[in-house]
């Protein structure tokens, strides 16, 4: 992956040479999957990384992936859906300040990532600053702070300070778990933010070019329904044509609760699928993953509303929408 704002390390070896302490934590083998600025990461890259993990899965007790911060939450979500029933940790980390620069957080993050990789966690996580965050719950919230990531709609899985504290609400290593590898993907998914004055034609056009869309509405998932800006009619048209429209919220925290307002009910009746309390990153990646497995709207809908790796809080699971 890419470290800091400069250019990526060409090899994992040169990266690890800057942090010799890691070798005292674990016996490390290195693989160079890609050396790219994370802003250039495309969905195909997620497949490459997951393949590298799967090919080496039996030989290792854990995996650390160094990755640029910009798209790390997307990669973490993708690995969470591709690789389920894990019996070991897959840890993503990076840095806000390039590892060779004064005050860099890179070394600390890398050392902490390896500390987590030898723990008894068994899921995809991002380790950054003082936090251990479930892969499908992470969002980059600061371009400035060394605590760049936040755990959204769920407490962080753990903290790293003088000691490492990991909560009980997480998957642990279990003997006998068989890795479930589902590397399916249809990358033709759009993510649109609703704004005052947005034209319905924009949504229609986007859907001509894509297989599905995630629409971030206001508040609990509301969309405008007034005459010339009626997005709900567009949603109805698109769903009738057999394409999924997921409706989420622009608010950083909270869930879509569309039954709360009349506007919301109208959107559900138009056939929109709520993202419940998923992050936009998790919702986009999940829709790509689901579309890679089925084109059928009913099946898409039930898969989106099912929680696979705690991307939807348990309190919402099984809630009937619509």
Protein backbone atom coordinates (compact mmCIF):
# COMPACT_ATOMS: atom_id res chain seq x y z
CA UNK A 1 0.00 0.00 0.00
CA UNK A 2 0.84 3.68 0.07
CA UNK A 3 2.21 5.47 3.11
CA UNK A 4 1.80 9.14 3.66
CA UNK A 5 1.34 11.71 0.94
CA UNK A 6 4.51 10.93 -1.00
CA UNK A 7 4.92 7.86 -3.11
CA UNK A 8 4.30 4.25 -2.12
CA UNK A 9 7.09 1.95 -1.03
CA UNK A 10 8.18 -0.16 -3.95
CA UNK A 11 8.48 -3.29 -1.83
CA UNK A 12 7.28 -4.63 1.49
CA UNK A 13 10.93 -5.28 2.39
CA UNK A 14 11.90 -1.61 2.36
CA UNK A 15 8.82 -0.79 4.41
CA UNK A 16 9.59 -3.42 7.02
CA UNK A 17 13.25 -2.40 7.21
CA UNK A 18 12.10 0.93 8.63
CA UNK A 19 10.35 -0.88 11.50
CA UNK A 20 12.66 -3.64 12.72
CA UNK A 21 10.63 -4.00 15.98
CA UNK A 22 7.98 -5.89 14.05
CA UNK A 23 10.25 -8.92 13.78
CA UNK A 24 10.30 -9.23 17.56
CA UNK A 25 6.49 -9.52 17.58
CA UNK A 26 6.04 -12.03 14.79
CA UNK A 27 7.80 -14.21 12.30
CA UNK A 28 7.02 -12.23 9.16
CA UNK A 29 6.83 -13.24 5.50
CA UNK A 30 6.36 -10.55 2.88
CA UNK A 31 4.37 -10.30 -0.31
CA UNK A 32 4.10 -7.39 -2.71
CA UNK A 33 0.55 -7.34 -4.00
CA UNK A 34 0.60 -3.83 -5.43
CA UNK A 35 2.37 -0.55 -4.96
CA UNK A 36 -0.14 2.15 -5.69
CA UNK A 37 -1.42 5.36 -4.22
CA UNK A 38 -4.68 4.38 -2.52
CA UNK A 39 -6.58 7.08 -4.40
CA UNK A 40 -6.02 4.87 -7.47
CA UNK A 41 -7.51 1.77 -5.88
CA UNK A 42 -10.27 0.19 -8.00
CA UNK A 43 -12.54 -2.78 -7.14
CA UNK A 44 -10.25 -5.19 -9.03
CA UNK A 45 -7.56 -4.44 -6.43
CA UNK A 46 -9.80 -5.85 -3.66
CA UNK A 47 -9.98 -9.13 -5.56
CA UNK A 48 -6.20 -9.19 -5.90
CA UNK A 49 -5.63 -8.62 -2.18
CA UNK A 50 -8.24 -11.19 -1.16
CA UNK A 51 -6.69 -13.72 -3.54
CA UNK A 52 -3.26 -13.12 -1.96
CA UNK A 53 -4.77 -13.82 1.48
CA UNK A 54 -6.61 -16.95 0.31
CA UNK A 55 -3.56 -18.38 -1.46
CA UNK A 56 -1.54 -18.08 1.76
CA UNK A 57 -4.34 -18.58 4.25
CA UNK A 58 -3.26 -21.92 5.71
CA UNK A 59 0.41 -21.00 6.16
CA UNK A 60 -0.07 -17.96 8.42
CA UNK A 61 -1.70 -17.04 11.73
CA UNK A 62 -2.63 -13.54 10.63
CA UNK A 63 -2.24 -10.93 7.89
CA UNK A 64 -1.19 -7.28 7.89
CA UNK A 65 -1.97 -5.16 4.84
CA UNK A 66 -0.34 -1.76 4.49
CA UNK A 67 -2.68 0.59 2.64
CA UNK A 68 -3.16 4.28 1.93
CA UNK A 69 -5.74 5.95 4.17
CA UNK A 70 -7.93 7.41 1.42
CA UNK A 71 -9.69 4.21 0.35
CA UNK A 72 -8.73 1.91 3.22
CA UNK A 73 -12.33 1.72 4.51
CA UNK A 74 -13.52 0.46 1.11
CA UNK A 75 -10.83 -2.23 0.94
CA UNK A 76 -11.57 -3.29 4.53
CA UNK A 77 -15.28 -3.61 3.71
CA UNK A 78 -14.56 -5.60 0.54
CA UNK A 79 -12.29 -8.05 2.37
CA UNK A 80 -14.96 -8.43 5.06
CA UNK A 81 -17.52 -9.57 2.48
CA UNK A 82 -15.13 -11.66 0.37
CA UNK A 83 -13.57 -13.51 3.33
CA UNK A 84 -16.04 -14.76 5.92
CA UNK A 85 -15.87 -17.34 8.70
CA UNK A 86 -12.31 -16.21 9.44
CA UNK A 87 -10.30 -17.94 12.15
CA UNK A 88 -7.51 -15.36 12.17
CA UNK A 89 -7.13 -11.58 11.93
CA UNK A 90 -6.68 -9.57 8.73
CA UNK A 91 -5.39 -6.16 9.71
CA UNK A 92 -5.19 -3.04 7.54
CA UNK A 93 -3.10 -0.06 8.55
CA UNK A 94 -1.28 2.92 7.11
CA UNK A 95 -0.19 6.39 8.13
CA UNK A 96 -1.21 10.02 7.91
CA UNK A 97 2.41 11.17 7.80
CA UNK A 98 4.84 9.37 5.49
CA UNK A 99 6.94 6.87 7.41
CA UNK A 100 10.29 8.57 6.71
CA UNK A 101 9.08 11.99 7.84
CA UNK A 102 9.37 13.70 11.20
CA UNK A 103 6.53 12.81 13.54
CA UNK A 104 5.28 9.96 11.36
CA UNK A 105 2.60 7.74 12.85
CA UNK A 106 3.55 4.99 10.40
CA UNK A 107 5.87 3.01 12.63
CA UNK A 108 3.52 2.98 15.57
CA UNK A 109 0.56 1.95 13.40
CA UNK A 110 2.55 -0.84 11.78
CA UNK A 111 3.82 -2.18 15.11
CA UNK A 112 0.28 -2.04 16.53
CA UNK A 113 -1.10 -3.79 13.45
CA UNK A 114 1.28 -6.69 14.08
CA UNK A 115 0.31 -6.74 17.78
CA UNK A 116 -3.31 -7.21 16.67
CA UNK A 117 -2.33 -9.73 13.98
CA UNK A 118 -0.95 -12.06 16.68
CA UNK A 119 -3.97 -11.55 18.97
CA UNK A 120 -6.98 -13.90 19.06
CA UNK A 121 -9.16 -11.62 16.95
CA UNK A 122 -10.70 -13.31 13.93
CA UNK A 123 -12.02 -10.67 11.59
CA UNK A 124 -11.04 -7.92 9.18
CA UNK A 125 -10.03 -4.80 11.10
CA UNK A 126 -8.39 -1.43 10.63
CA UNK A 127 -5.76 -0.58 13.23
CA UNK A 128 -5.02 3.12 13.26
CA UNK A 129 -4.00 5.58 15.97
CA UNK A 130 -5.29 4.13 19.21
CA UNK A 131 -8.23 2.25 17.69
CA UNK A 132 -9.04 -1.22 16.46
CA UNK A 133 -12.09 -0.89 14.19
CA UNK A 134 -14.20 -3.55 12.51
CA UNK A 135 -13.57 -3.38 8.74
CA UNK A 136 -17.19 -2.71 7.75
CA UNK A 137 -17.59 0.02 10.41
CA UNK A 138 -14.60 2.20 9.64
CA UNK A 139 -14.67 5.64 8.02
CA UNK A 140 -11.87 8.08 7.46
CA UNK A 141 -13.15 11.19 9.22
CA UNK A 142 -10.04 13.38 9.32
CA UNK A 143 -7.43 14.34 6.77
CA UNK A 144 -5.45 15.96 9.59
CA UNK A 145 -5.65 13.99 12.83
CA UNK A 146 -3.49 10.97 13.53
CA UNK A 147 -6.75 9.38 14.73
CA UNK A 148 -7.90 9.39 11.11
CA UNK A 149 -10.57 6.68 11.42
CA UNK A 150 -13.70 6.39 13.46
CA UNK A 151 -15.91 3.39 14.17
CA UNK A 152 -19.38 4.36 12.93
CA UNK A 153 -22.60 3.28 14.69
CA UNK A 154 -20.67 0.79 16.79
CA UNK A 155 -18.01 1.05 19.49
CA UNK A 156 -14.47 0.36 18.32
CA UNK A 157 -13.50 -3.29 18.85
CA UNK A 158 -10.55 -2.25 20.96
CA UNK A 159 -7.95 0.30 21.91
CA UNK A 160 -4.19 0.29 21.89
CA UNK A 161 -2.32 2.43 24.39
CA UNK A 162 0.18 1.16 26.92
CA UNK A 163 -1.79 -2.06 26.71
CA UNK A 164 -4.11 -3.55 24.16
CA UNK A 165 -7.77 -3.78 25.16
CA UNK A 166 -10.10 -5.76 22.94
CA UNK A 167 -13.85 -5.94 23.58
CA UNK A 168 -15.85 -9.11 23.85
CA UNK A 169 -18.22 -8.22 21.02
CA UNK A 170 -16.05 -9.63 18.30
CA UNK A 171 -15.14 -12.86 16.59
CA UNK A 172 -12.29 -14.83 18.15
CA UNK A 173 -10.08 -17.50 16.66
CA UNK A 174 -11.95 -20.79 16.60
CA UNK A 175 -10.61 -24.14 15.53
CA UNK A 176 -12.64 -25.83 12.84
CA UNK A 177 -13.89 -22.72 11.08
CA UNK A 178 -13.76 -23.09 7.30
CA UNK A 179 -12.98 -19.96 5.35
CA UNK A 180 -15.88 -18.90 3.16
CA UNK A 181 -14.41 -17.16 0.11
CA UNK A 182 -16.91 -15.33 -2.11
CA UNK A 183 -14.94 -13.12 -4.49
CA UNK A 184 -17.93 -11.92 -6.48
CA UNK A 185 -18.10 -8.38 -7.76
CA UNK A 186 -20.03 -6.15 -10.13
CA UNK A 187 -18.22 -2.81 -9.92
CA UNK A 188 -20.91 -0.90 -11.83
CA UNK A 189 -22.40 0.75 -8.77
CA UNK A 190 -22.84 4.50 -8.32
CA UNK A 191 -22.87 6.51 -5.09
CA UNK A 192 -24.84 9.75 -5.17
CA UNK A 193 -25.44 12.36 -2.51
CA UNK A 194 -28.83 14.05 -2.60
CA UNK A 195 -28.74 17.85 -2.41
CA UNK A 196 -31.35 20.60 -2.65
CA UNK A 197 -32.21 21.14 -6.31
CA UNK A 198 -30.91 17.78 -7.50
CA UNK A 199 -32.54 16.88 -10.80
CA UNK A 200 -34.27 13.52 -11.20
CA UNK A 201 -32.75 13.18 -14.71
CA UNK A 202 -29.34 12.97 -13.05
CA UNK A 203 -30.46 9.84 -11.21
CA UNK A 204 -32.06 8.38 -14.34
CA UNK A 205 -28.91 8.98 -16.37
CA UNK A 206 -26.67 7.46 -13.69
CA UNK A 207 -28.77 4.31 -13.66
CA UNK A 208 -28.54 3.93 -17.43
CA UNK A 209 -24.78 3.59 -16.95
CA UNK A 210 -24.81 1.42 -13.82
CA UNK A 211 -26.31 -1.78 -12.43
CA UNK A 212 -27.34 -0.21 -9.14
CA UNK A 213 -27.06 2.94 -7.07
CA UNK A 214 -26.61 3.97 -3.45
CA UNK A 215 -28.39 7.24 -2.80
CA UNK A 216 -27.51 9.17 0.35
CA UNK A 217 -30.64 11.01 1.44
CA UNK A 218 -31.21 13.47 4.25
CA UNK A 219 -31.65 12.58 7.91
CA UNK A 220 -33.11 9.13 8.28
CA UNK A 221 -33.06 8.57 4.51
CA UNK A 222 -35.47 11.18 3.19
CA UNK A 223 -35.62 12.25 -0.47
CA UNK A 224 -37.32 15.26 -2.02
CA UNK A 225 -40.80 14.55 -3.42
CA UNK A 226 -41.86 17.98 -4.67
CA UNK A 227 -42.90 18.31 -8.29
CA UNK A 228 -39.81 19.19 -10.31
CA UNK A 229 -37.38 17.56 -7.87
CA UNK A 230 -39.30 14.38 -7.21
CA UNK A 231 -36.62 11.71 -6.81
CA UNK A 232 -39.10 9.14 -5.56
CA UNK A 233 -40.70 8.82 -8.99
CA UNK A 234 -37.21 8.20 -10.40
CA UNK A 235 -36.61 5.53 -7.79
CA UNK A 236 -39.90 3.85 -8.69
CA UNK A 237 -39.04 3.89 -12.41
CA UNK A 238 -35.59 2.43 -11.81
CA UNK A 239 -36.82 -0.31 -9.48
CA UNK A 240 -39.60 -1.21 -11.93
CA UNK A 241 -36.89 -1.62 -14.57
CA UNK A 242 -35.29 -4.18 -12.24
CA UNK A 243 -32.35 -2.22 -10.84
CA UNK A 244 -31.68 -1.79 -7.12
CA UNK A 245 -31.70 1.62 -5.44
CA UNK A 246 -30.28 1.66 -1.93
CA UNK A 247 -31.18 4.67 0.18
CA UNK A 248 -28.92 5.68 3.04
CA UNK A 249 -28.18 8.78 5.05
CA UNK A 250 -25.66 11.59 4.65
CA UNK A 251 -25.49 11.88 8.43
CA UNK A 252 -22.29 10.32 9.71
CA UNK A 253 -24.13 8.62 12.58
CA UNK A 254 -27.56 7.01 12.61
CA UNK A 255 -29.70 4.68 10.59
CA UNK A 256 -32.31 4.93 7.88
CA UNK A 257 -35.67 4.83 9.58
CA UNK A 258 -37.96 5.33 6.69
CA UNK A 259 -41.11 4.30 8.45
CA UNK A 260 -40.70 7.40 10.62
CA UNK A 261 -41.82 10.00 8.09
CA UNK A 262 -44.45 9.93 5.40
CA UNK A 263 -41.74 10.82 2.86
CA UNK A 264 -39.76 7.77 3.96
CA UNK A 265 -42.75 5.46 3.64
CA UNK A 266 -43.29 6.70 0.08
CA UNK A 267 -39.67 5.85 -0.75
CA UNK A 268 -40.01 2.31 0.62
CA UNK A 269 -43.24 1.86 -1.30
CA UNK A 270 -41.35 2.93 -4.44
CA UNK A 271 -39.11 -0.09 -3.87
CA UNK A 272 -35.98 1.48 -2.39
CA UNK A 273 -33.83 -0.73 -0.17
CA UNK A 274 -32.71 0.96 3.08
CA UNK A 275 -29.03 0.75 4.02
CA UNK A 276 -30.15 0.64 7.68
CA UNK A 277 -27.06 1.67 9.68
CA UNK A 278 -24.35 0.72 7.18
CA UNK A 279 -21.62 3.21 6.31
CA UNK A 280 -21.71 4.48 2.71
CA UNK A 281 -18.47 2.57 2.06
CA UNK A 282 -19.93 -0.70 3.34
CA UNK A 283 -23.19 -0.14 1.43
CA UNK A 284 -21.46 0.53 -1.91
CA UNK A 285 -19.10 -2.43 -1.60
CA UNK A 286 -21.89 -4.72 -0.39
CA UNK A 287 -24.09 -3.80 -3.36
CA UNK A 288 -21.19 -4.56 -5.74
CA UNK A 289 -20.68 -7.89 -3.95
CA UNK A 290 -24.38 -8.81 -3.99
CA UNK A 291 -24.81 -7.81 -7.65
CA UNK A 292 -21.85 -10.06 -8.41
CA UNK A 293 -23.95 -12.97 -7.12
CA UNK A 294 -27.46 -12.27 -8.36
CA UNK A 295 -29.33 -9.97 -10.76
CA UNK A 296 -32.70 -10.70 -9.12
CA UNK A 297 -34.14 -7.71 -7.29
CA UNK A 298 -35.90 -9.69 -4.57
CA UNK A 299 -32.78 -11.64 -3.77
CA UNK A 300 -30.65 -8.48 -3.88
CA UNK A 301 -33.02 -6.85 -1.41
CA UNK A 302 -32.93 -9.72 1.07
CA UNK A 303 -29.13 -10.00 0.85
CA UNK A 304 -28.65 -6.25 1.42
CA UNK A 305 -30.85 -6.43 4.53
CA UNK A 306 -29.02 -9.46 5.89
CA UNK A 307 -25.98 -8.84 8.07
CA UNK A 308 -22.94 -10.88 6.99
CA UNK A 309 -20.11 -9.38 9.03
CA UNK A 310 -21.86 -7.12 11.53
CA UNK A 311 -22.21 -4.34 8.96
CA UNK A 312 -25.81 -3.97 10.18
CA UNK A 313 -26.38 -3.74 13.93
CA UNK A 314 -28.08 -6.76 15.46
CA UNK A 315 -30.93 -4.60 16.76
CA UNK A 316 -31.98 -4.00 13.14
CA UNK A 317 -31.58 -7.55 11.90
CA UNK A 318 -34.80 -9.20 10.85
CA UNK A 319 -36.71 -5.91 10.99
CA UNK A 320 -39.33 -5.93 8.27
CA UNK A 321 -39.12 -2.99 5.87
CA UNK A 322 -41.74 -1.83 3.48
